[in-house]
Amino acid sequence: MKLPGARRYKRILTLVIIILAGLLVLAFVRFRMQTRLVEKPDAPENSAATLSINGFRHTATREARTSWILEAATAKLYSGENQATLSDVQMRFFPEGRGAVRLTGEKGQFNTQTRNVSVSGSVVCRYSGYVLNTENLHYQHDSNIIYAESEISVAGQNSQFTADSGEFEINTGTLRLSGNVEARINQIDKD
């Protein structure tokens, strides 16, 4: 005995299976095409680097908690010099009890022994509603300080500062500016 509409259900089920198989093939082909478009770093034998890495990530810990994370699109490690040359750099610092400090830049240098980092090229550092802009910024791991020896500008909700140099203590959230410091503070309107 045949059920009424059984032929119709078979056709619908067959059509659904064909569509799902087509979507699966399409997803596989798109995935394969995207993996081919990823730019490969120079092989170590084609550069002075000991190791070249795409998607570099380094996590530093202090007292069993994450202190900071360094990420870069590419890294070339030079083991004899304890150095890594980075591109498209991103760092996040996690001071205890406060929000994260975020830092980005076009290029960077990472000392694998001291864990000091230098970032250059359109450097932006964000923390607690403030944005610091400069061309070169350095992180000193042993003292947990970010400092700039070139002109910097800092903008917040109602203020803007410029200076020849400055340093930011990550542990305390303190920013010190020096050399030709200028400040513009806007009045806050109270309604």
N, C-alpha and C. Protein backbone atom coordinates (compact mmCIF):
# COMPACT_ATOMS: atom_id res chain seq x y z
N MET A 1 0.83 -1.17 0.00
CA MET A 1 0.00 0.00 0.00
C MET A 1 0.88 1.25 0.00
N LYS A 2 0.64 2.11 -0.90
CA LYS A 2 1.39 3.35 -1.02
C LYS A 2 0.67 4.44 -0.26
N LEU A 3 1.48 5.26 0.42
CA LEU A 3 0.93 6.38 1.13
C LEU A 3 0.64 7.50 0.15
N PRO A 4 -0.42 8.25 0.39
CA PRO A 4 -0.72 9.35 -0.53
C PRO A 4 0.36 10.43 -0.44
N GLY A 5 0.84 10.85 -1.57
CA GLY A 5 1.85 11.91 -1.64
C GLY A 5 3.26 11.43 -1.37
N ALA A 6 3.48 10.12 -1.27
CA ALA A 6 4.82 9.58 -0.98
C ALA A 6 5.79 9.96 -2.09
N ARG A 7 5.35 9.92 -3.31
CA ARG A 7 6.19 10.27 -4.45
C ARG A 7 6.61 11.75 -4.35
N ARG A 8 5.68 12.57 -3.94
CA ARG A 8 5.95 14.00 -3.80
C ARG A 8 7.00 14.25 -2.70
N TYR A 9 6.87 13.56 -1.56
CA TYR A 9 7.84 13.69 -0.47
C TYR A 9 9.23 13.21 -0.89
N LYS A 10 9.29 12.14 -1.70
CA LYS A 10 10.57 11.65 -2.19
C LYS A 10 11.25 12.70 -3.06
N ARG A 11 10.48 13.35 -3.89
CA ARG A 11 11.05 14.38 -4.76
C ARG A 11 11.55 15.57 -3.94
N ILE A 12 10.78 15.99 -2.96
CA ILE A 12 11.20 17.11 -2.10
C ILE A 12 12.46 16.73 -1.33
N LEU A 13 12.49 15.52 -0.77
CA LEU A 13 13.64 15.06 -0.02
C LEU A 13 14.87 14.97 -0.93
N THR A 14 14.72 14.47 -2.14
CA THR A 14 15.82 14.40 -3.10
C THR A 14 16.33 15.80 -3.43
N LEU A 15 15.42 16.73 -3.64
CA LEU A 15 15.80 18.10 -3.96
C LEU A 15 16.56 18.74 -2.78
N VAL A 16 16.10 18.52 -1.56
CA VAL A 16 16.78 19.05 -0.37
C VAL A 16 18.18 18.47 -0.26
N ILE A 17 18.33 17.18 -0.50
CA ILE A 17 19.65 16.54 -0.42
C ILE A 17 20.58 17.10 -1.48
N ILE A 18 20.10 17.32 -2.68
CA ILE A 18 20.92 17.89 -3.75
C ILE A 18 21.35 19.30 -3.40
N ILE A 19 20.45 20.12 -2.86
CA ILE A 19 20.78 21.50 -2.47
C ILE A 19 21.83 21.50 -1.36
N LEU A 20 21.65 20.66 -0.34
CA LEU A 20 22.62 20.58 0.75
C LEU A 20 23.99 20.12 0.24
N ALA A 21 24.02 19.16 -0.65
CA ALA A 21 25.29 18.69 -1.21
C ALA A 21 25.96 19.82 -2.01
N GLY A 22 25.17 20.58 -2.76
CA GLY A 22 25.72 21.71 -3.52
C GLY A 22 26.29 22.77 -2.61
N LEU A 23 25.59 23.09 -1.51
CA LEU A 23 26.09 24.07 -0.55
C LEU A 23 27.38 23.59 0.11
N LEU A 24 27.45 22.30 0.40
CA LEU A 24 28.66 21.73 1.00
C LEU A 24 29.84 21.84 0.04
N VAL A 25 29.64 21.53 -1.24
CA VAL A 25 30.69 21.66 -2.24
C VAL A 25 31.11 23.12 -2.39
N LEU A 26 30.14 24.03 -2.41
CA LEU A 26 30.43 25.46 -2.53
C LEU A 26 31.27 25.95 -1.34
N ALA A 27 30.91 25.55 -0.14
CA ALA A 27 31.65 25.95 1.05
C ALA A 27 33.08 25.41 1.00
N PHE A 28 33.26 24.18 0.56
CA PHE A 28 34.59 23.59 0.46
C PHE A 28 35.44 24.34 -0.57
N VAL A 29 34.87 24.66 -1.72
CA VAL A 29 35.61 25.36 -2.77
C VAL A 29 36.00 26.76 -2.30
N ARG A 30 35.10 27.48 -1.63
CA ARG A 30 35.42 28.82 -1.12
C ARG A 30 36.53 28.76 -0.07
N PHE A 31 36.48 27.77 0.80
CA PHE A 31 37.52 27.61 1.80
C PHE A 31 38.87 27.38 1.15
N ARG A 32 38.92 26.51 0.16
CA ARG A 32 40.18 26.21 -0.54
C ARG A 32 40.72 27.44 -1.26
N MET A 33 39.83 28.25 -1.85
CA MET A 33 40.26 29.46 -2.55
C MET A 33 40.83 30.47 -1.56
N GLN A 34 40.23 30.61 -0.39
CA GLN A 34 40.72 31.57 0.60
C GLN A 34 42.07 31.16 1.15
N THR A 35 42.30 29.88 1.35
CA THR A 35 43.59 29.44 1.89
C THR A 35 44.71 29.66 0.88
N ARG A 36 44.41 29.68 -0.39
CA ARG A 36 45.43 29.94 -1.40
C ARG A 36 45.79 31.41 -1.48
N LEU A 37 44.88 32.31 -1.05
CA LEU A 37 45.12 33.74 -1.13
C LEU A 37 45.98 34.28 0.01
N VAL A 38 46.20 33.50 1.06
CA VAL A 38 47.01 33.94 2.20
C VAL A 38 48.46 34.05 1.75
N GLU A 39 49.05 35.23 1.98
CA GLU A 39 50.42 35.47 1.58
C GLU A 39 51.36 34.72 2.51
N LYS A 40 52.25 33.95 1.93
CA LYS A 40 53.19 33.19 2.73
C LYS A 40 54.41 34.04 3.03
N PRO A 41 54.95 33.92 4.25
CA PRO A 41 56.17 34.68 4.56
C PRO A 41 57.35 34.09 3.79
N ASP A 42 58.42 34.88 3.69
CA ASP A 42 59.62 34.37 3.04
C ASP A 42 60.11 33.15 3.79
N ALA A 43 60.54 32.15 3.04
CA ALA A 43 61.12 30.98 3.66
C ALA A 43 62.44 31.37 4.29
N PRO A 44 62.82 30.74 5.41
CA PRO A 44 64.07 31.11 6.07
C PRO A 44 65.28 31.08 5.14
N GLU A 45 65.29 30.15 4.18
CA GLU A 45 66.44 30.09 3.28
C GLU A 45 66.47 31.26 2.29
N ASN A 46 65.36 32.02 2.15
CA ASN A 46 65.30 33.18 1.26
C ASN A 46 65.56 34.49 2.00
N SER A 47 65.78 34.45 3.30
CA SER A 47 66.06 35.65 4.08
C SER A 47 67.06 35.28 5.18
N ALA A 48 67.50 36.29 5.90
CA ALA A 48 68.44 36.05 6.99
C ALA A 48 67.73 35.51 8.24
N ALA A 49 66.40 35.47 8.20
CA ALA A 49 65.62 35.01 9.36
C ALA A 49 65.82 33.52 9.58
N THR A 50 65.83 33.13 10.86
CA THR A 50 65.90 31.73 11.22
C THR A 50 64.55 31.05 11.01
N LEU A 51 63.47 31.83 11.25
CA LEU A 51 62.12 31.29 11.15
C LEU A 51 61.18 32.41 10.71
N SER A 52 60.29 32.12 9.77
CA SER A 52 59.27 33.08 9.35
C SER A 52 57.90 32.51 9.70
N ILE A 53 57.05 33.37 10.28
CA ILE A 53 55.76 32.90 10.78
C ILE A 53 54.64 33.82 10.30
N ASN A 54 53.56 33.25 9.83
CA ASN A 54 52.31 33.98 9.59
C ASN A 54 51.44 33.82 10.82
N GLY A 55 50.79 34.89 11.27
CA GLY A 55 49.91 34.80 12.43
C GLY A 55 50.67 34.58 13.73
N PHE A 56 51.68 35.40 13.97
CA PHE A 56 52.51 35.30 15.18
C PHE A 56 51.72 35.74 16.40
N ARG A 57 51.89 35.03 17.52
CA ARG A 57 51.24 35.39 18.78
C ARG A 57 52.15 34.99 19.93
N HIS A 58 52.37 35.94 20.86
CA HIS A 58 53.17 35.68 22.05
C HIS A 58 52.36 36.16 23.26
N THR A 59 52.22 35.31 24.25
CA THR A 59 51.49 35.66 25.48
C THR A 59 52.48 35.68 26.64
N ALA A 60 52.53 36.80 27.34
CA ALA A 60 53.41 36.94 28.50
C ALA A 60 52.57 36.83 29.77
N THR A 61 53.07 36.10 30.73
CA THR A 61 52.35 35.93 31.99
C THR A 61 53.22 36.40 33.15
N ARG A 62 52.55 36.86 34.19
CA ARG A 62 53.19 37.22 35.45
C ARG A 62 52.33 36.65 36.57
N GLU A 63 52.95 35.92 37.46
CA GLU A 63 52.25 35.34 38.59
C GLU A 63 50.99 34.59 38.16
N ALA A 64 51.14 33.76 37.17
CA ALA A 64 50.09 32.85 36.67
C ALA A 64 48.88 33.56 36.05
N ARG A 65 49.03 34.81 35.62
CA ARG A 65 47.95 35.46 34.89
C ARG A 65 48.53 36.17 33.68
N THR A 66 47.72 36.31 32.64
CA THR A 66 48.16 36.94 31.40
C THR A 66 48.45 38.41 31.64
N SER A 67 49.67 38.82 31.33
CA SER A 67 50.09 40.20 31.50
C SER A 67 49.87 40.99 30.21
N TRP A 68 50.26 40.39 29.08
CA TRP A 68 50.05 41.02 27.78
C TRP A 68 50.11 39.99 26.67
N ILE A 69 49.54 40.37 25.52
CA ILE A 69 49.53 39.51 24.33
C ILE A 69 50.04 40.35 23.17
N LEU A 70 51.00 39.81 22.43
CA LEU A 70 51.55 40.44 21.24
C LEU A 70 51.15 39.60 20.04
N GLU A 71 50.55 40.25 19.03
CA GLU A 71 50.16 39.56 17.80
C GLU A 71 50.68 40.34 16.60
N ALA A 72 51.01 39.62 15.54
CA ALA A 72 51.48 40.26 14.31
C ALA A 72 51.06 39.40 13.12
N ALA A 73 50.80 40.07 12.00
CA ALA A 73 50.44 39.34 10.78
C ALA A 73 51.58 38.43 10.35
N THR A 74 52.81 38.95 10.40
CA THR A 74 54.00 38.14 10.08
C THR A 74 55.10 38.44 11.07
N ALA A 75 55.96 37.47 11.26
CA ALA A 75 57.13 37.64 12.13
C ALA A 75 58.30 36.90 11.51
N LYS A 76 59.45 37.55 11.53
CA LYS A 76 60.70 36.92 11.10
C LYS A 76 61.60 36.89 12.31
N LEU A 77 61.92 35.68 12.77
CA LEU A 77 62.72 35.52 13.98
C LEU A 77 64.18 35.31 13.62
N TYR A 78 65.05 36.02 14.32
CA TYR A 78 66.48 35.93 14.15
C TYR A 78 67.06 35.42 15.46
N SER A 79 67.27 34.12 15.56
CA SER A 79 67.64 33.52 16.86
C SER A 79 69.00 33.97 17.34
N GLY A 80 69.95 34.20 16.46
CA GLY A 80 71.28 34.65 16.87
C GLY A 80 71.25 36.03 17.50
N GLU A 81 70.25 36.83 17.15
CA GLU A 81 70.13 38.19 17.66
C GLU A 81 69.03 38.32 18.72
N ASN A 82 68.30 37.25 18.99
CA ASN A 82 67.16 37.28 19.91
C ASN A 82 66.15 38.34 19.51
N GLN A 83 65.91 38.51 18.21
CA GLN A 83 65.02 39.53 17.68
C GLN A 83 63.98 38.92 16.76
N ALA A 84 62.82 39.55 16.71
CA ALA A 84 61.79 39.21 15.73
C ALA A 84 61.33 40.51 15.09
N THR A 85 61.26 40.54 13.77
CA THR A 85 60.75 41.69 13.03
C THR A 85 59.29 41.40 12.72
N LEU A 86 58.39 42.33 13.06
CA LEU A 86 56.96 42.10 12.98
C LEU A 86 56.30 43.06 11.99
N SER A 87 55.15 42.64 11.45
CA SER A 87 54.32 43.53 10.62
C SER A 87 52.89 43.48 11.14
N ASP A 88 52.16 44.59 10.97
CA ASP A 88 50.78 44.72 11.46
C ASP A 88 50.68 44.25 12.92
N VAL A 89 51.25 45.04 13.79
CA VAL A 89 51.41 44.68 15.20
C VAL A 89 50.19 45.09 16.01
N GLN A 90 49.79 44.22 16.92
CA GLN A 90 48.74 44.50 17.90
C GLN A 90 49.20 43.98 19.25
N MET A 91 49.04 44.81 20.28
CA MET A 91 49.34 44.37 21.64
C MET A 91 48.18 44.72 22.54
N ARG A 92 47.94 43.86 23.51
CA ARG A 92 46.93 44.12 24.54
C ARG A 92 47.59 43.86 25.89
N PHE A 93 47.48 44.84 26.78
CA PHE A 93 48.02 44.72 28.13
C PHE A 93 46.84 44.59 29.09
N PHE A 94 47.00 43.79 30.12
CA PHE A 94 45.92 43.52 31.07
C PHE A 94 46.36 43.87 32.49
N PRO A 95 46.32 45.17 32.84
CA PRO A 95 46.70 45.56 34.20
C PRO A 95 45.68 45.02 35.19
N GLU A 96 46.16 44.64 36.34
CA GLU A 96 45.29 44.05 37.35
C GLU A 96 44.29 45.07 37.86
N GLY A 97 43.01 44.72 37.81
CA GLY A 97 41.95 45.56 38.35
C GLY A 97 41.48 46.68 37.45
N ARG A 98 42.00 46.78 36.22
CA ARG A 98 41.59 47.85 35.31
C ARG A 98 41.39 47.30 33.91
N GLY A 99 40.84 48.15 33.03
CA GLY A 99 40.59 47.75 31.66
C GLY A 99 41.86 47.56 30.86
N ALA A 100 41.72 46.91 29.72
CA ALA A 100 42.86 46.60 28.85
C ALA A 100 43.41 47.85 28.17
N VAL A 101 44.71 47.82 27.90
CA VAL A 101 45.40 48.83 27.12
C VAL A 101 45.66 48.20 25.76
N ARG A 102 45.24 48.88 24.68
CA ARG A 102 45.41 48.32 23.32
C ARG A 102 46.36 49.19 22.52
N LEU A 103 47.26 48.54 21.80
CA LEU A 103 48.28 49.24 21.03
C LEU A 103 48.37 48.62 19.64
N THR A 104 48.40 49.44 18.59
CA THR A 104 48.56 48.94 17.22
C THR A 104 49.59 49.77 16.49
N GLY A 105 50.22 49.16 15.49
CA GLY A 105 51.21 49.85 14.66
C GLY A 105 51.52 49.03 13.42
N GLU A 106 52.17 49.66 12.47
CA GLU A 106 52.46 49.00 11.19
C GLU A 106 53.60 47.99 11.30
N LYS A 107 54.66 48.34 12.04
CA LYS A 107 55.84 47.48 12.14
C LYS A 107 56.26 47.37 13.59
N GLY A 108 57.10 46.38 13.87
CA GLY A 108 57.60 46.24 15.22
C GLY A 108 58.85 45.40 15.32
N GLN A 109 59.49 45.51 16.48
CA GLN A 109 60.65 44.69 16.83
C GLN A 109 60.37 44.09 18.20
N PHE A 110 60.61 42.80 18.33
CA PHE A 110 60.38 42.10 19.59
C PHE A 110 61.68 41.42 20.00
N ASN A 111 62.21 41.77 21.18
CA ASN A 111 63.40 41.12 21.71
C ASN A 111 62.93 39.89 22.47
N THR A 112 63.25 38.72 21.98
CA THR A 112 62.76 37.47 22.57
C THR A 112 63.41 37.16 23.92
N GLN A 113 64.53 37.80 24.22
CA GLN A 113 65.19 37.56 25.50
C GLN A 113 64.67 38.51 26.58
N THR A 114 64.66 39.82 26.31
CA THR A 114 64.21 40.79 27.31
C THR A 114 62.69 40.98 27.29
N ARG A 115 62.05 40.59 26.20
CA ARG A 115 60.61 40.77 25.94
C ARG A 115 60.24 42.24 25.78
N ASN A 116 61.20 43.09 25.44
CA ASN A 116 60.91 44.48 25.12
C ASN A 116 60.39 44.55 23.68
N VAL A 117 59.50 45.51 23.42
CA VAL A 117 58.87 45.64 22.10
C VAL A 117 58.96 47.10 21.67
N SER A 118 59.27 47.31 20.39
CA SER A 118 59.22 48.64 19.77
C SER A 118 58.25 48.56 18.61
N VAL A 119 57.34 49.54 18.53
CA VAL A 119 56.32 49.58 17.47
C VAL A 119 56.45 50.91 16.75
N SER A 120 56.33 50.89 15.43
CA SER A 120 56.46 52.12 14.65
C SER A 120 55.45 52.14 13.51
N GLY A 121 55.21 53.35 13.00
CA GLY A 121 54.31 53.52 11.87
C GLY A 121 52.87 53.65 12.30
N SER A 122 52.38 54.89 12.39
CA SER A 122 50.98 55.15 12.77
C SER A 122 50.57 54.40 14.03
N VAL A 123 51.30 54.60 15.09
CA VAL A 123 51.05 53.89 16.34
C VAL A 123 49.87 54.53 17.07
N VAL A 124 48.95 53.69 17.52
CA VAL A 124 47.78 54.13 18.28
C VAL A 124 47.71 53.29 19.54
N CYS A 125 47.55 53.97 20.68
CA CYS A 125 47.41 53.30 21.97
C CYS A 125 46.10 53.78 22.60
N ARG A 126 45.23 52.85 23.00
CA ARG A 126 43.93 53.20 23.57
C ARG A 126 43.82 52.66 24.99
N TYR A 127 43.32 53.54 25.87
CA TYR A 127 43.10 53.13 27.25
C TYR A 127 42.06 54.03 27.90
N SER A 128 41.03 53.45 28.44
CA SER A 128 40.04 54.12 29.28
C SER A 128 39.51 55.43 28.67
N GLY A 129 39.15 55.39 27.40
CA GLY A 129 38.58 56.56 26.74
C GLY A 129 39.60 57.53 26.17
N TYR A 130 40.88 57.26 26.33
CA TYR A 130 41.94 58.10 25.79
C TYR A 130 42.62 57.41 24.61
N VAL A 131 43.03 58.21 23.63
CA VAL A 131 43.72 57.69 22.46
C VAL A 131 45.04 58.44 22.32
N LEU A 132 46.14 57.70 22.31
CA LEU A 132 47.48 58.27 22.15
C LEU A 132 47.96 57.94 20.74
N ASN A 133 48.46 58.94 20.00
CA ASN A 133 48.99 58.75 18.65
C ASN A 133 50.44 59.20 18.61
N THR A 134 51.28 58.42 17.95
CA THR A 134 52.68 58.76 17.74
C THR A 134 53.23 57.91 16.60
N GLU A 135 54.48 58.13 16.24
CA GLU A 135 55.10 57.33 15.18
C GLU A 135 55.92 56.17 15.73
N ASN A 136 56.44 56.30 16.94
CA ASN A 136 57.26 55.25 17.56
C ASN A 136 56.90 55.12 19.03
N LEU A 137 56.73 53.89 19.46
CA LEU A 137 56.38 53.63 20.86
C LEU A 137 57.16 52.39 21.30
N HIS A 138 57.60 52.39 22.55
CA HIS A 138 58.40 51.28 23.07
C HIS A 138 57.76 50.74 24.34
N TYR A 139 57.86 49.41 24.51
CA TYR A 139 57.39 48.77 25.73
C TYR A 139 58.60 48.16 26.43
N GLN A 140 58.79 48.52 27.70
CA GLN A 140 59.88 47.98 28.50
C GLN A 140 59.28 46.97 29.47
N HIS A 141 59.58 45.71 29.24
CA HIS A 141 58.92 44.62 29.98
C HIS A 141 59.24 44.62 31.47
N ASP A 142 60.50 44.81 31.84
CA ASP A 142 60.86 44.68 33.26
C ASP A 142 60.18 45.73 34.14
N SER A 143 59.93 46.93 33.61
CA SER A 143 59.25 47.96 34.41
C SER A 143 57.78 48.15 34.02
N ASN A 144 57.32 47.43 33.00
CA ASN A 144 55.93 47.48 32.53
C ASN A 144 55.51 48.91 32.17
N ILE A 145 56.36 49.56 31.36
CA ILE A 145 56.14 50.95 30.94
C ILE A 145 56.12 51.03 29.42
N ILE A 146 55.21 51.85 28.89
CA ILE A 146 55.18 52.19 27.47
C ILE A 146 55.69 53.63 27.38
N TYR A 147 56.64 53.88 26.49
CA TYR A 147 57.16 55.24 26.38
C TYR A 147 57.40 55.62 24.91
N ALA A 148 57.35 56.92 24.67
CA ALA A 148 57.58 57.48 23.33
C ALA A 148 58.63 58.56 23.45
N GLU A 149 59.61 58.52 22.56
CA GLU A 149 60.65 59.54 22.52
C GLU A 149 60.42 60.50 21.36
N SER A 150 59.30 60.33 20.68
CA SER A 150 58.94 61.23 19.58
C SER A 150 57.62 61.92 19.94
N GLU A 151 57.24 62.90 19.14
CA GLU A 151 56.04 63.70 19.43
C GLU A 151 54.81 62.81 19.59
N ILE A 152 54.03 63.11 20.62
CA ILE A 152 52.80 62.34 20.86
C ILE A 152 51.62 63.30 21.03
N SER A 153 50.44 62.78 20.74
CA SER A 153 49.21 63.52 21.04
C SER A 153 48.27 62.56 21.75
N VAL A 154 47.57 63.08 22.74
CA VAL A 154 46.63 62.29 23.52
C VAL A 154 45.30 63.01 23.50
N ALA A 155 44.25 62.29 23.14
CA ALA A 155 42.91 62.88 23.10
C ALA A 155 41.98 62.07 23.98
N GLY A 156 41.17 62.80 24.76
CA GLY A 156 40.16 62.18 25.60
C GLY A 156 38.81 62.82 25.33
N GLN A 157 37.84 62.53 26.17
CA GLN A 157 36.49 63.03 25.96
C GLN A 157 36.43 64.55 25.87
N ASN A 158 37.07 65.25 26.78
CA ASN A 158 37.01 66.71 26.81
C ASN A 158 38.39 67.36 26.83
N SER A 159 39.42 66.64 26.43
CA SER A 159 40.76 67.20 26.50
C SER A 159 41.65 66.66 25.39
N GLN A 160 42.70 67.43 25.09
CA GLN A 160 43.69 67.01 24.12
C GLN A 160 45.05 67.54 24.58
N PHE A 161 46.06 66.69 24.52
CA PHE A 161 47.41 67.03 24.96
C PHE A 161 48.39 66.70 23.85
N THR A 162 49.44 67.50 23.71
CA THR A 162 50.55 67.18 22.83
C THR A 162 51.84 67.39 23.62
N ALA A 163 52.87 66.63 23.26
CA ALA A 163 54.16 66.74 23.94
C ALA A 163 55.25 66.15 23.06
N ASP A 164 56.49 66.47 23.40
CA ASP A 164 57.64 65.92 22.66
C ASP A 164 57.88 64.46 22.99
N SER A 165 57.51 64.03 24.19
CA SER A 165 57.71 62.64 24.60
C SER A 165 56.81 62.35 25.79
N GLY A 166 56.76 61.09 26.18
CA GLY A 166 55.95 60.73 27.34
C GLY A 166 56.10 59.27 27.68
N GLU A 167 55.60 58.91 28.86
CA GLU A 167 55.61 57.51 29.27
C GLU A 167 54.33 57.19 30.02
N PHE A 168 53.90 55.95 29.87
CA PHE A 168 52.67 55.47 30.50
C PHE A 168 53.00 54.27 31.37
N GLU A 169 52.74 54.39 32.66
CA GLU A 169 52.94 53.27 33.58
C GLU A 169 51.69 52.40 33.55
N ILE A 170 51.81 51.22 33.02
CA ILE A 170 50.66 50.33 32.85
C ILE A 170 50.08 49.91 34.20
N ASN A 171 50.93 49.65 35.18
CA ASN A 171 50.45 49.17 36.49
C ASN A 171 49.57 50.20 37.20
N THR A 172 49.92 51.48 37.08
CA THR A 172 49.19 52.52 37.81
C THR A 172 48.23 53.31 36.93
N GLY A 173 48.37 53.20 35.59
CA GLY A 173 47.54 53.99 34.68
C GLY A 173 47.95 55.45 34.62
N THR A 174 49.21 55.75 34.96
CA THR A 174 49.71 57.12 35.01
C THR A 174 50.44 57.47 33.72
N LEU A 175 50.07 58.61 33.12
CA LEU A 175 50.73 59.13 31.93
C LEU A 175 51.53 60.36 32.30
N ARG A 176 52.82 60.39 31.94
CA ARG A 176 53.68 61.55 32.17
C ARG A 176 54.12 62.09 30.82
N LEU A 177 53.86 63.37 30.58
CA LEU A 177 54.25 64.03 29.35
C LEU A 177 55.42 64.96 29.64
N SER A 178 56.32 65.12 28.67
CA SER A 178 57.45 66.03 28.88
C SER A 178 57.84 66.70 27.57
N GLY A 179 58.37 67.92 27.69
CA GLY A 179 58.85 68.66 26.53
C GLY A 179 57.75 69.33 25.73
N ASN A 180 57.63 70.63 25.83
CA ASN A 180 56.63 71.41 25.08
C ASN A 180 55.21 70.85 25.23
N VAL A 181 54.82 70.61 26.44
CA VAL A 181 53.49 70.06 26.70
C VAL A 181 52.44 71.15 26.49
N GLU A 182 51.43 70.84 25.71
CA GLU A 182 50.30 71.73 25.50
C GLU A 182 49.03 70.96 25.82
N ALA A 183 48.08 71.67 26.42
CA ALA A 183 46.81 71.04 26.78
C ALA A 183 45.66 71.90 26.31
N ARG A 184 44.60 71.25 25.83
CA ARG A 184 43.34 71.92 25.51
C ARG A 184 42.25 71.16 26.24
N ILE A 185 41.57 71.86 27.12
CA ILE A 185 40.51 71.23 27.90
C ILE A 185 39.22 71.96 27.61
N ASN A 186 38.23 71.22 27.14
CA ASN A 186 36.93 71.80 26.81
C ASN A 186 36.04 71.81 28.03
N GLN A 187 35.24 72.83 28.12
CA GLN A 187 34.30 72.95 29.23
C GLN A 187 33.19 71.92 29.06
N ILE A 188 32.81 71.32 30.15
CA ILE A 188 31.74 70.35 30.15
C ILE A 188 30.44 71.09 30.46
N ASP A 189 29.48 71.03 29.56
CA ASP A 189 28.19 71.67 29.77
C ASP A 189 27.33 70.81 30.67
N LYS A 190 26.83 71.40 31.76
CA LYS A 190 25.92 70.67 32.67
C LYS A 190 24.52 71.16 32.40
N ASP A 191 23.64 70.23 32.20
CA ASP A 191 22.23 70.60 31.95
C ASP A 191 21.41 70.49 33.20
